[in-house]
Full PDB file with SEQRES, HELIX, SHEET, SSBOND, CRYST1, ORIGX, SCALE, CONECT and MASTER records, all heavy atoms in Angstrom:
SEQRES   1 A   37  SER LEU LYS PRO GLU ASP THR ALA VAL TYR SER CYS ASN          
SEQRES   2 A   37  ALA GLU GLY THR SER ILE PHE GLY SER ARG ARG THR TYR          
SEQRES   3 A   37  TRP GLY GLN GLY THR GLN VAL THR VAL SER SER                  
HELIX    1 AA1 PRO A    4  ASP A    6  5                                   3    
SHEET    1 AA1 2 ALA A   8  TYR A  10  0                                        
SHEET    2 AA1 2 THR A  31  VAL A  33 -1                                        
SHEET    1 AA2 2 ASN A  13  THR A  17  0                                        
SHEET    2 AA2 2 ARG A  23  TRP A  27 -1                                        
CRYST1    1.000    1.000    1.000  90.00  90.00  90.00 P 1           1          
ORIGX1      1.000000  0.000000  0.000000        0.00000                         
ORIGX2      0.000000  1.000000  0.000000        0.00000                         
ORIGX3      0.000000  0.000000  1.000000        0.00000                         
SCALE1      1.000000  0.000000  0.000000        0.00000                         
SCALE2      0.000000  1.000000  0.000000        0.00000                         
SCALE3      0.000000  0.000000  1.000000        0.00000                         
ATOM      1  N   SER A   1     -17.201 107.519 -84.052  1.00  0.00           N  
ATOM      2  CA  SER A   1     -18.318 108.066 -84.829  1.00  0.00           C  
ATOM      3  C   SER A   1     -18.167 109.558 -85.045  1.00  0.00           C  
ATOM      4  O   SER A   1     -19.101 110.337 -84.852  1.00  0.00           O  
ATOM      5  CB  SER A   1     -19.651 107.741 -84.146  1.00  0.00           C  
ATOM      6  OG  SER A   1     -19.831 106.350 -84.000  1.00  0.00           O  
ATOM      7  N   LEU A   2     -16.988 109.944 -85.439  1.00  0.00           N  
ATOM      8  CA  LEU A   2     -16.696 111.366 -85.587  1.00  0.00           C  
ATOM      9  C   LEU A   2     -17.527 112.010 -86.682  1.00  0.00           C  
ATOM     10  O   LEU A   2     -17.829 111.388 -87.713  1.00  0.00           O  
ATOM     11  CB  LEU A   2     -15.210 111.559 -85.870  1.00  0.00           C  
ATOM     12  CG  LEU A   2     -14.300 111.399 -84.648  1.00  0.00           C  
ATOM     13  CD1 LEU A   2     -12.854 111.168 -85.076  1.00  0.00           C  
ATOM     14  CD2 LEU A   2     -14.409 112.622 -83.747  1.00  0.00           C  
ATOM     15  N   LYS A   3     -17.885 113.243 -86.433  1.00  0.00           N  
ATOM     16  CA  LYS A   3     -18.689 114.031 -87.349  1.00  0.00           C  
ATOM     17  C   LYS A   3     -17.913 115.263 -87.782  1.00  0.00           C  
ATOM     18  O   LYS A   3     -17.037 115.728 -87.061  1.00  0.00           O  
ATOM     19  CB  LYS A   3     -19.996 114.476 -86.673  1.00  0.00           C  
ATOM     20  CG  LYS A   3     -20.828 113.352 -86.096  1.00  0.00           C  
ATOM     21  CD  LYS A   3     -22.011 113.898 -85.325  1.00  0.00           C  
ATOM     22  CE  LYS A   3     -22.847 112.797 -84.725  1.00  0.00           C  
ATOM     23  NZ  LYS A   3     -24.001 113.344 -83.947  1.00  0.00           N  
ATOM     24  N   PRO A   4     -18.234 115.814 -88.926  1.00  0.00           N  
ATOM     25  CA  PRO A   4     -17.556 117.045 -89.345  1.00  0.00           C  
ATOM     26  C   PRO A   4     -17.640 118.159 -88.303  1.00  0.00           C  
ATOM     27  O   PRO A   4     -16.693 118.930 -88.162  1.00  0.00           O  
ATOM     28  CB  PRO A   4     -18.279 117.428 -90.638  1.00  0.00           C  
ATOM     29  CG  PRO A   4     -18.733 116.124 -91.203  1.00  0.00           C  
ATOM     30  CD  PRO A   4     -19.120 115.297 -89.993  1.00  0.00           C  
ATOM     31  N   GLU A   5     -18.740 118.236 -87.575  1.00  0.00           N  
ATOM     32  CA  GLU A   5     -18.875 119.255 -86.560  1.00  0.00           C  
ATOM     33  C   GLU A   5     -17.971 119.051 -85.357  1.00  0.00           C  
ATOM     34  O   GLU A   5     -17.888 119.917 -84.474  1.00  0.00           O  
ATOM     35  CB  GLU A   5     -20.345 119.381 -86.103  1.00  0.00           C  
ATOM     36  CG  GLU A   5     -20.985 118.055 -85.751  1.00  0.00           C  
ATOM     37  CD  GLU A   5     -21.804 117.481 -86.897  1.00  0.00           C  
ATOM     38  OE1 GLU A   5     -21.318 117.506 -88.041  1.00  0.00           O  
ATOM     39  OE2 GLU A   5     -22.942 117.022 -86.652  1.00  0.00           O  
ATOM     40  N   ASP A   6     -17.292 117.914 -85.283  1.00  0.00           N  
ATOM     41  CA  ASP A   6     -16.303 117.697 -84.243  1.00  0.00           C  
ATOM     42  C   ASP A   6     -14.976 118.358 -84.573  1.00  0.00           C  
ATOM     43  O   ASP A   6     -14.069 118.380 -83.731  1.00  0.00           O  
ATOM     44  CB  ASP A   6     -16.062 116.203 -84.030  1.00  0.00           C  
ATOM     45  CG  ASP A   6     -17.279 115.485 -83.466  1.00  0.00           C  
ATOM     46  OD1 ASP A   6     -17.938 116.039 -82.559  1.00  0.00           O  
ATOM     47  OD2 ASP A   6     -17.559 114.357 -83.920  1.00  0.00           O  
ATOM     48  N   THR A   7     -14.842 118.863 -85.778  1.00  0.00           N  
ATOM     49  CA  THR A   7     -13.618 119.524 -86.183  1.00  0.00           C  
ATOM     50  C   THR A   7     -13.336 120.715 -85.284  1.00  0.00           C  
ATOM     51  O   THR A   7     -14.177 121.603 -85.129  1.00  0.00           O  
ATOM     52  CB  THR A   7     -13.708 119.978 -87.641  1.00  0.00           C  
ATOM     53  OG1 THR A   7     -13.828 118.833 -88.494  1.00  0.00           O  
ATOM     54  CG2 THR A   7     -12.473 120.769 -88.052  1.00  0.00           C  
ATOM     55  N   ALA A   8     -12.155 120.737 -84.694  1.00  0.00           N  
ATOM     56  CA  ALA A   8     -11.789 121.797 -83.769  1.00  0.00           C  
ATOM     57  C   ALA A   8     -10.351 121.585 -83.310  1.00  0.00           C  
ATOM     58  O   ALA A   8      -9.749 120.544 -83.583  1.00  0.00           O  
ATOM     59  CB  ALA A   8     -12.725 121.809 -82.556  1.00  0.00           C  
ATOM     60  N   VAL A   9      -9.836 122.571 -82.629  1.00  0.00           N  
ATOM     61  CA  VAL A   9      -8.592 122.413 -81.905  1.00  0.00           C  
ATOM     62  C   VAL A   9      -8.936 121.895 -80.518  1.00  0.00           C  
ATOM     63  O   VAL A   9      -9.704 122.523 -79.785  1.00  0.00           O  
ATOM     64  CB  VAL A   9      -7.805 123.733 -81.808  1.00  0.00           C  
ATOM     65  CG1 VAL A   9      -6.574 123.553 -80.928  1.00  0.00           C  
ATOM     66  CG2 VAL A   9      -7.389 124.208 -83.192  1.00  0.00           C  
ATOM     67  N   TYR A  10      -8.389 120.767 -80.182  1.00  0.00           N  
ATOM     68  CA  TYR A  10      -8.642 120.143 -78.893  1.00  0.00           C  
ATOM     69  C   TYR A  10      -7.474 120.416 -77.969  1.00  0.00           C  
ATOM     70  O   TYR A  10      -6.312 120.186 -78.326  1.00  0.00           O  
ATOM     71  CB  TYR A  10      -8.837 118.638 -79.051  1.00  0.00           C  
ATOM     72  CG  TYR A  10     -10.177 118.265 -79.658  1.00  0.00           C  
ATOM     73  CD1 TYR A  10     -10.436 118.529 -80.998  1.00  0.00           C  
ATOM     74  CD2 TYR A  10     -11.162 117.662 -78.892  1.00  0.00           C  
ATOM     75  CE1 TYR A  10     -11.663 118.209 -81.550  1.00  0.00           C  
ATOM     76  CE2 TYR A  10     -12.385 117.332 -79.441  1.00  0.00           C  
ATOM     77  CZ  TYR A  10     -12.637 117.606 -80.778  1.00  0.00           C  
ATOM     78  OH  TYR A  10     -13.855 117.275 -81.326  1.00  0.00           O  
ATOM     79  N   SER A  11      -7.785 120.902 -76.768  1.00  0.00           N  
ATOM     80  CA  SER A  11      -6.756 121.280 -75.814  1.00  0.00           C  
ATOM     81  C   SER A  11      -6.914 120.511 -74.519  1.00  0.00           C  
ATOM     82  O   SER A  11      -8.026 120.378 -74.006  1.00  0.00           O  
ATOM     83  CB  SER A  11      -6.814 122.781 -75.513  1.00  0.00           C  
ATOM     84  OG  SER A  11      -6.608 123.549 -76.682  1.00  0.00           O  
ATOM     85  N   CYS A  12      -5.813 120.037 -74.016  1.00  0.00           N  
ATOM     86  CA  CYS A  12      -5.797 119.337 -72.748  1.00  0.00           C  
ATOM     87  C   CYS A  12      -5.728 120.352 -71.614  1.00  0.00           C  
ATOM     88  O   CYS A  12      -5.062 121.377 -71.714  1.00  0.00           O  
ATOM     89  CB  CYS A  12      -4.599 118.401 -72.704  1.00  0.00           C  
ATOM     90  SG  CYS A  12      -4.423 117.459 -71.172  1.00  0.00           S  
ATOM     91  N   ASN A  13      -6.410 120.035 -70.544  1.00  0.00           N  
ATOM     92  CA  ASN A  13      -6.469 120.902 -69.382  1.00  0.00           C  
ATOM     93  C   ASN A  13      -6.177 120.076 -68.136  1.00  0.00           C  
ATOM     94  O   ASN A  13      -6.616 118.935 -68.013  1.00  0.00           O  
ATOM     95  CB  ASN A  13      -7.846 121.555 -69.284  1.00  0.00           C  
ATOM     96  CG  ASN A  13      -8.090 122.259 -67.956  1.00  0.00           C  
ATOM     97  OD1 ASN A  13      -8.480 121.613 -66.978  1.00  0.00           O  
ATOM     98  ND2 ASN A  13      -7.860 123.562 -67.934  1.00  0.00           N  
ATOM     99  N   ALA A  14      -5.438 120.672 -67.225  1.00  0.00           N  
ATOM    100  CA  ALA A  14      -5.175 120.034 -65.940  1.00  0.00           C  
ATOM    101  C   ALA A  14      -5.322 121.054 -64.838  1.00  0.00           C  
ATOM    102  O   ALA A  14      -4.815 122.177 -64.946  1.00  0.00           O  
ATOM    103  CB  ALA A  14      -3.779 119.424 -65.913  1.00  0.00           C  
ATOM    104  N   GLU A  15      -6.024 120.681 -63.814  1.00  0.00           N  
ATOM    105  CA  GLU A  15      -6.190 121.527 -62.632  1.00  0.00           C  
ATOM    106  C   GLU A  15      -5.515 120.833 -61.474  1.00  0.00           C  
ATOM    107  O   GLU A  15      -5.744 119.646 -61.243  1.00  0.00           O  
ATOM    108  CB  GLU A  15      -7.669 121.773 -62.336  1.00  0.00           C  
ATOM    109  CG  GLU A  15      -7.932 122.770 -61.226  1.00  0.00           C  
ATOM    110  CD  GLU A  15      -7.938 122.121 -59.848  1.00  0.00           C  
ATOM    111  OE1 GLU A  15      -8.402 120.970 -59.732  1.00  0.00           O  
ATOM    112  OE2 GLU A  15      -7.494 122.778 -58.877  1.00  0.00           O  
ATOM    113  N   GLY A  16      -4.693 121.587 -60.758  1.00  0.00           N  
ATOM    114  CA  GLY A  16      -3.958 120.973 -59.675  1.00  0.00           C  
ATOM    115  C   GLY A  16      -3.804 121.879 -58.480  1.00  0.00           C  
ATOM    116  O   GLY A  16      -4.161 123.060 -58.500  1.00  0.00           O  
ATOM    117  N   THR A  17      -3.267 121.308 -57.444  1.00  0.00           N  
ATOM    118  CA  THR A  17      -3.000 122.006 -56.195  1.00  0.00           C  
ATOM    119  C   THR A  17      -1.531 121.835 -55.845  1.00  0.00           C  
ATOM    120  O   THR A  17      -1.018 120.714 -55.841  1.00  0.00           O  
ATOM    121  CB  THR A  17      -3.866 121.465 -55.059  1.00  0.00           C  
ATOM    122  OG1 THR A  17      -5.246 121.545 -55.416  1.00  0.00           O  
ATOM    123  CG2 THR A  17      -3.628 122.242 -53.781  1.00  0.00           C  
ATOM    124  N   SER A  18      -0.865 122.925 -55.582  1.00  0.00           N  
ATOM    125  CA  SER A  18       0.550 122.864 -55.222  1.00  0.00           C  
ATOM    126  C   SER A  18       0.691 122.328 -53.817  1.00  0.00           C  
ATOM    127  O   SER A  18      -0.262 122.242 -53.045  1.00  0.00           O  
ATOM    128  CB  SER A  18       1.199 124.239 -55.327  1.00  0.00           C  
ATOM    129  OG  SER A  18       0.820 125.060 -54.239  1.00  0.00           O  
ATOM    130  N   ILE A  19       1.925 122.006 -53.477  1.00  0.00           N  
ATOM    131  CA  ILE A  19       2.183 121.512 -52.130  1.00  0.00           C  
ATOM    132  C   ILE A  19       1.954 122.592 -51.091  1.00  0.00           C  
ATOM    133  O   ILE A  19       1.879 122.302 -49.892  1.00  0.00           O  
ATOM    134  CB  ILE A  19       3.617 120.959 -52.013  1.00  0.00           C  
ATOM    135  CG1 ILE A  19       4.643 122.045 -52.352  1.00  0.00           C  
ATOM    136  CG2 ILE A  19       3.774 119.741 -52.910  1.00  0.00           C  
ATOM    137  CD1 ILE A  19       6.076 121.594 -52.155  1.00  0.00           C  
ATOM    138  N   PHE A  20       1.827 123.835 -51.533  1.00  0.00           N  
ATOM    139  CA  PHE A  20       1.552 124.943 -50.627  1.00  0.00           C  
ATOM    140  C   PHE A  20       0.064 125.286 -50.567  1.00  0.00           C  
ATOM    141  O   PHE A  20      -0.321 126.207 -49.852  1.00  0.00           O  
ATOM    142  CB  PHE A  20       2.346 126.182 -51.052  1.00  0.00           C  
ATOM    143  CG  PHE A  20       3.814 125.922 -51.164  1.00  0.00           C  
ATOM    144  CD1 PHE A  20       4.435 125.885 -52.401  1.00  0.00           C  
ATOM    145  CD2 PHE A  20       4.584 125.704 -50.036  1.00  0.00           C  
ATOM    146  CE1 PHE A  20       5.788 125.640 -52.519  1.00  0.00           C  
ATOM    147  CE2 PHE A  20       5.937 125.449 -50.135  1.00  0.00           C  
ATOM    148  CZ  PHE A  20       6.541 125.414 -51.382  1.00  0.00           C  
ATOM    149  N   GLY A  21      -0.743 124.584 -51.321  1.00  0.00           N  
ATOM    150  CA  GLY A  21      -2.173 124.761 -51.269  1.00  0.00           C  
ATOM    151  C   GLY A  21      -2.779 125.653 -52.337  1.00  0.00           C  
ATOM    152  O   GLY A  21      -3.990 125.839 -52.353  1.00  0.00           O  
ATOM    153  N   SER A  22      -1.982 126.227 -53.194  1.00  0.00           N  
ATOM    154  CA  SER A  22      -2.499 127.093 -54.237  1.00  0.00           C  
ATOM    155  C   SER A  22      -2.986 126.276 -55.431  1.00  0.00           C  
ATOM    156  O   SER A  22      -2.389 125.266 -55.783  1.00  0.00           O  
ATOM    157  CB  SER A  22      -1.444 128.096 -54.686  1.00  0.00           C  
ATOM    158  OG  SER A  22      -0.304 127.435 -55.204  1.00  0.00           O  
ATOM    159  N   ARG A  23      -4.052 126.727 -56.042  1.00  0.00           N  
ATOM    160  CA  ARG A  23      -4.624 126.041 -57.192  1.00  0.00           C  
ATOM    161  C   ARG A  23      -4.202 126.712 -58.490  1.00  0.00           C  
ATOM    162  O   ARG A  23      -4.141 127.939 -58.590  1.00  0.00           O  
ATOM    163  CB  ARG A  23      -6.133 125.997 -57.101  1.00  0.00           C  
ATOM    164  CG  ARG A  23      -6.634 125.151 -55.932  1.00  0.00           C  
ATOM    165  CD  ARG A  23      -8.090 124.832 -56.089  1.00  0.00           C  
ATOM    166  NE  ARG A  23      -8.537 123.906 -55.058  1.00  0.00           N  
ATOM    167  CZ  ARG A  23      -9.674 123.222 -55.083  1.00  0.00           C  
ATOM    168  NH1 ARG A  23     -10.503 123.383 -56.105  1.00  0.00           N  
ATOM    169  NH2 ARG A  23      -9.989 122.402 -54.114  1.00  0.00           N  
ATOM    170  N   ARG A  24      -3.928 125.904 -59.476  1.00  0.00           N  
ATOM    171  CA  ARG A  24      -3.524 126.392 -60.785  1.00  0.00           C  
ATOM    172  C   ARG A  24      -4.195 125.564 -61.865  1.00  0.00           C  
ATOM    173  O   ARG A  24      -4.510 124.395 -61.660  1.00  0.00           O  
ATOM    174  CB  ARG A  24      -2.009 126.303 -60.954  1.00  0.00           C  
ATOM    175  CG  ARG A  24      -1.212 127.143 -59.972  1.00  0.00           C  
ATOM    176  CD  ARG A  24      -1.259 128.614 -60.346  1.00  0.00           C  
ATOM    177  NE  ARG A  24      -0.339 129.401 -59.545  1.00  0.00           N  
ATOM    178  CZ  ARG A  24      -0.606 129.896 -58.355  1.00  0.00           C  
ATOM    179  NH1 ARG A  24      -1.814 129.695 -57.818  1.00  0.00           N  
ATOM    180  NH2 ARG A  24       0.297 130.597 -57.696  1.00  0.00           N  
ATOM    181  N   THR A  25      -4.377 126.183 -62.995  1.00  0.00           N  
ATOM    182  CA  THR A  25      -4.908 125.514 -64.177  1.00  0.00           C  
ATOM    183  C   THR A  25      -3.896 125.642 -65.306  1.00  0.00           C  
ATOM    184  O   THR A  25      -3.358 126.717 -65.552  1.00  0.00           O  
ATOM    185  CB  THR A  25      -6.248 126.113 -64.605  1.00  0.00           C  
ATOM    186  OG1 THR A  25      -7.191 125.966 -63.537  1.00  0.00           O  
ATOM    187  CG2 THR A  25      -6.779 125.399 -65.842  1.00  0.00           C  
ATOM    188  N   TYR A  26      -3.660 124.545 -65.991  1.00  0.00           N  
ATOM    189  CA  TYR A  26      -2.673 124.510 -67.061  1.00  0.00           C  
ATOM    190  C   TYR A  26      -3.314 123.989 -68.340  1.00  0.00           C  
ATOM    191  O   TYR A  26      -4.274 123.219 -68.292  1.00  0.00           O  
ATOM    192  CB  TYR A  26      -1.483 123.629 -66.677  1.00  0.00           C  
ATOM    193  CG  TYR A  26      -0.752 124.135 -65.470  1.00  0.00           C  
ATOM    194  CD1 TYR A  26      -1.096 123.703 -64.195  1.00  0.00           C  
ATOM    195  CD2 TYR A  26       0.279 125.068 -65.589  1.00  0.00           C  
ATOM    196  CE1 TYR A  26      -0.434 124.175 -63.071  1.00  0.00           C  
ATOM    197  CE2 TYR A  26       0.941 125.537 -64.471  1.00  0.00           C  
ATOM    198  CZ  TYR A  26       0.583 125.093 -63.218  1.00  0.00           C  
ATOM    199  OH  TYR A  26       1.245 125.568 -62.118  1.00  0.00           O  
ATOM    200  N   TRP A  27      -2.743 124.412 -69.446  1.00  0.00           N  
ATOM    201  CA  TRP A  27      -3.256 124.036 -70.759  1.00  0.00           C  
ATOM    202  C   TRP A  27      -2.147 123.476 -71.630  1.00  0.00           C  
ATOM    203  O   TRP A  27      -0.999 123.929 -71.587  1.00  0.00           O  
ATOM    204  CB  TRP A  27      -3.860 125.250 -71.469  1.00  0.00           C  
ATOM    205  CG  TRP A  27      -5.077 125.776 -70.803  1.00  0.00           C  
ATOM    206  CD1 TRP A  27      -5.150 126.728 -69.838  1.00  0.00           C  
ATOM    207  CD2 TRP A  27      -6.427 125.359 -71.066  1.00  0.00           C  
ATOM    208  NE1 TRP A  27      -6.453 126.938 -69.465  1.00  0.00           N  
ATOM    209  CE2 TRP A  27      -7.262 126.122 -70.208  1.00  0.00           C  
ATOM    210  CE3 TRP A  27      -7.008 124.439 -71.933  1.00  0.00           C  
ATOM    211  CZ2 TRP A  27      -8.646 125.971 -70.190  1.00  0.00           C  
ATOM    212  CZ3 TRP A  27      -8.382 124.297 -71.913  1.00  0.00           C  
ATOM    213  CH2 TRP A  27      -9.185 125.060 -71.056  1.00  0.00           C  
ATOM    214  N   GLY A  28      -2.521 122.499 -72.422  1.00  0.00           N  
ATOM    215  CA  GLY A  28      -1.617 122.014 -73.439  1.00  0.00           C  
ATOM    216  C   GLY A  28      -1.618 122.930 -74.642  1.00  0.00           C  
ATOM    217  O   GLY A  28      -2.340 123.932 -74.692  1.00  0.00           O  
ATOM    218  N   GLN A  29      -0.803 122.592 -75.607  1.00  0.00           N  
ATOM    219  CA  GLN A  29      -0.642 123.447 -76.768  1.00  0.00           C  
ATOM    220  C   GLN A  29      -1.794 123.345 -77.758  1.00  0.00           C  
ATOM    221  O   GLN A  29      -1.944 124.213 -78.625  1.00  0.00           O  
ATOM    222  CB  GLN A  29       0.673 123.113 -77.488  1.00  0.00           C  
ATOM    223  CG  GLN A  29       0.653 121.838 -78.324  1.00  0.00           C  
ATOM    224  CD  GLN A  29       0.754 120.559 -77.522  1.00  0.00           C  
ATOM    225  OE1 GLN A  29       0.813 120.569 -76.297  1.00  0.00           O  
ATOM    226  NE2 GLN A  29       0.773 119.431 -78.220  1.00  0.00           N  
ATOM    227  N   GLY A  30      -2.591 122.318 -77.644  1.00  0.00           N  
ATOM    228  CA  GLY A  30      -3.686 122.092 -78.561  1.00  0.00           C  
ATOM    229  C   GLY A  30      -3.299 121.206 -79.725  1.00  0.00           C  
ATOM    230  O   GLY A  30      -2.178 121.264 -80.212  1.00  0.00           O  
ATOM    231  N   THR A  31      -4.237 120.398 -80.159  1.00  0.00           N  
ATOM    232  CA  THR A  31      -4.004 119.530 -81.305  1.00  0.00           C  
ATOM    233  C   THR A  31      -5.216 119.586 -82.226  1.00  0.00           C  
ATOM    234  O   THR A  31      -6.354 119.571 -81.765  1.00  0.00           O  
ATOM    235  CB  THR A  31      -3.708 118.078 -80.859  1.00  0.00           C  
ATOM    236  OG1 THR A  31      -3.393 117.275 -81.991  1.00  0.00           O  
ATOM    237  CG2 THR A  31      -4.882 117.475 -80.112  1.00  0.00           C  
ATOM    238  N   GLN A  32      -4.963 119.677 -83.494  1.00  0.00           N  
ATOM    239  CA  GLN A  32      -6.030 119.848 -84.479  1.00  0.00           C  
ATOM    240  C   GLN A  32      -6.676 118.505 -84.805  1.00  0.00           C  
ATOM    241  O   GLN A  32      -5.990 117.532 -85.132  1.00  0.00           O  
ATOM    242  CB  GLN A  32      -5.496 120.491 -85.758  1.00  0.00           C  
ATOM    243  CG  GLN A  32      -6.534 120.645 -86.868  1.00  0.00           C  
ATOM    244  CD  GLN A  32      -7.564 121.701 -86.566  1.00  0.00           C  
ATOM    245  OE1 GLN A  32      -7.215 122.795 -86.117  1.00  0.00           O  
ATOM    246  NE2 GLN A  32      -8.840 121.377 -86.781  1.00  0.00           N  
ATOM    247  N   VAL A  33      -7.976 118.476 -84.742  1.00  0.00           N  
ATOM    248  CA  VAL A  33      -8.761 117.336 -85.191  1.00  0.00           C  
ATOM    249  C   VAL A  33      -9.651 117.817 -86.326  1.00  0.00           C  
ATOM    250  O   VAL A  33     -10.438 118.747 -86.162  1.00  0.00           O  
ATOM    251  CB  VAL A  33      -9.625 116.735 -84.073  1.00  0.00           C  
ATOM    252  CG1 VAL A  33     -10.579 115.684 -84.626  1.00  0.00           C  
ATOM    253  CG2 VAL A  33      -8.738 116.144 -82.991  1.00  0.00           C  
ATOM    254  N   THR A  34      -9.507 117.186 -87.476  1.00  0.00           N  
ATOM    255  CA  THR A  34     -10.296 117.552 -88.645  1.00  0.00           C  
ATOM    256  C   THR A  34     -11.043 116.323 -89.144  1.00  0.00           C  
ATOM    257  O   THR A  34     -10.440 115.278 -89.394  1.00  0.00           O  
ATOM    258  CB  THR A  34      -9.404 118.101 -89.760  1.00  0.00           C  
ATOM    259  OG1 THR A  34      -8.678 119.247 -89.291  1.00  0.00           O  
ATOM    260  CG2 THR A  34     -10.253 118.517 -90.964  1.00  0.00           C  
ATOM    261  N   VAL A  35     -12.347 116.468 -89.273  1.00  0.00           N  
ATOM    262  CA  VAL A  35     -13.198 115.374 -89.730  1.00  0.00           C  
ATOM    263  C   VAL A  35     -13.810 115.771 -91.064  1.00  0.00           C  
ATOM    264  O   VAL A  35     -14.551 116.760 -91.145  1.00  0.00           O  
ATOM    265  CB  VAL A  35     -14.297 115.043 -88.716  1.00  0.00           C  
ATOM    266  CG1 VAL A  35     -15.102 113.836 -89.181  1.00  0.00           C  
ATOM    267  CG2 VAL A  35     -13.689 114.784 -87.344  1.00  0.00           C  
ATOM    268  N   SER A  36     -13.509 115.038 -92.077  1.00  0.00           N  
ATOM    269  CA  SER A  36     -14.017 115.336 -93.406  1.00  0.00           C  
ATOM    270  C   SER A  36     -15.340 114.623 -93.646  1.00  0.00           C  
ATOM    271  O   SER A  36     -15.583 113.528 -93.125  1.00  0.00           O  
ATOM    272  CB  SER A  36     -13.002 114.937 -94.475  1.00  0.00           C  
ATOM    273  OG  SER A  36     -12.753 113.545 -94.443  1.00  0.00           O  
ATOM    274  N   SER A  37     -16.191 115.234 -94.448  1.00  0.00           N  
ATOM    275  CA  SER A  37     -17.489 114.648 -94.749  1.00  0.00           C  
ATOM    276  C   SER A  37     -17.413 113.693 -95.905  1.00  0.00           C  
ATOM    277  O   SER A  37     -16.405 113.609 -96.611  1.00  0.00           O  
ATOM    278  CB  SER A  37     -18.500 115.757 -95.046  1.00  0.00           C  
ATOM    279  OG  SER A  37     -18.084 116.524 -96.161  1.00  0.00           O  
TER     280      SER A  37                                                      
MASTER        0    0    0    1    4    0    0    6  279    1    0    3          
END                                                                             
């Protein structure tokens, strides 16, 4: 039920913990979603 207002660049995000206990956040390159009226 996509709406024109859903138009945006959508980016994937992952939050993880290394084997040493440090936390990191990573991002994908983004993908364009365009919804026409």
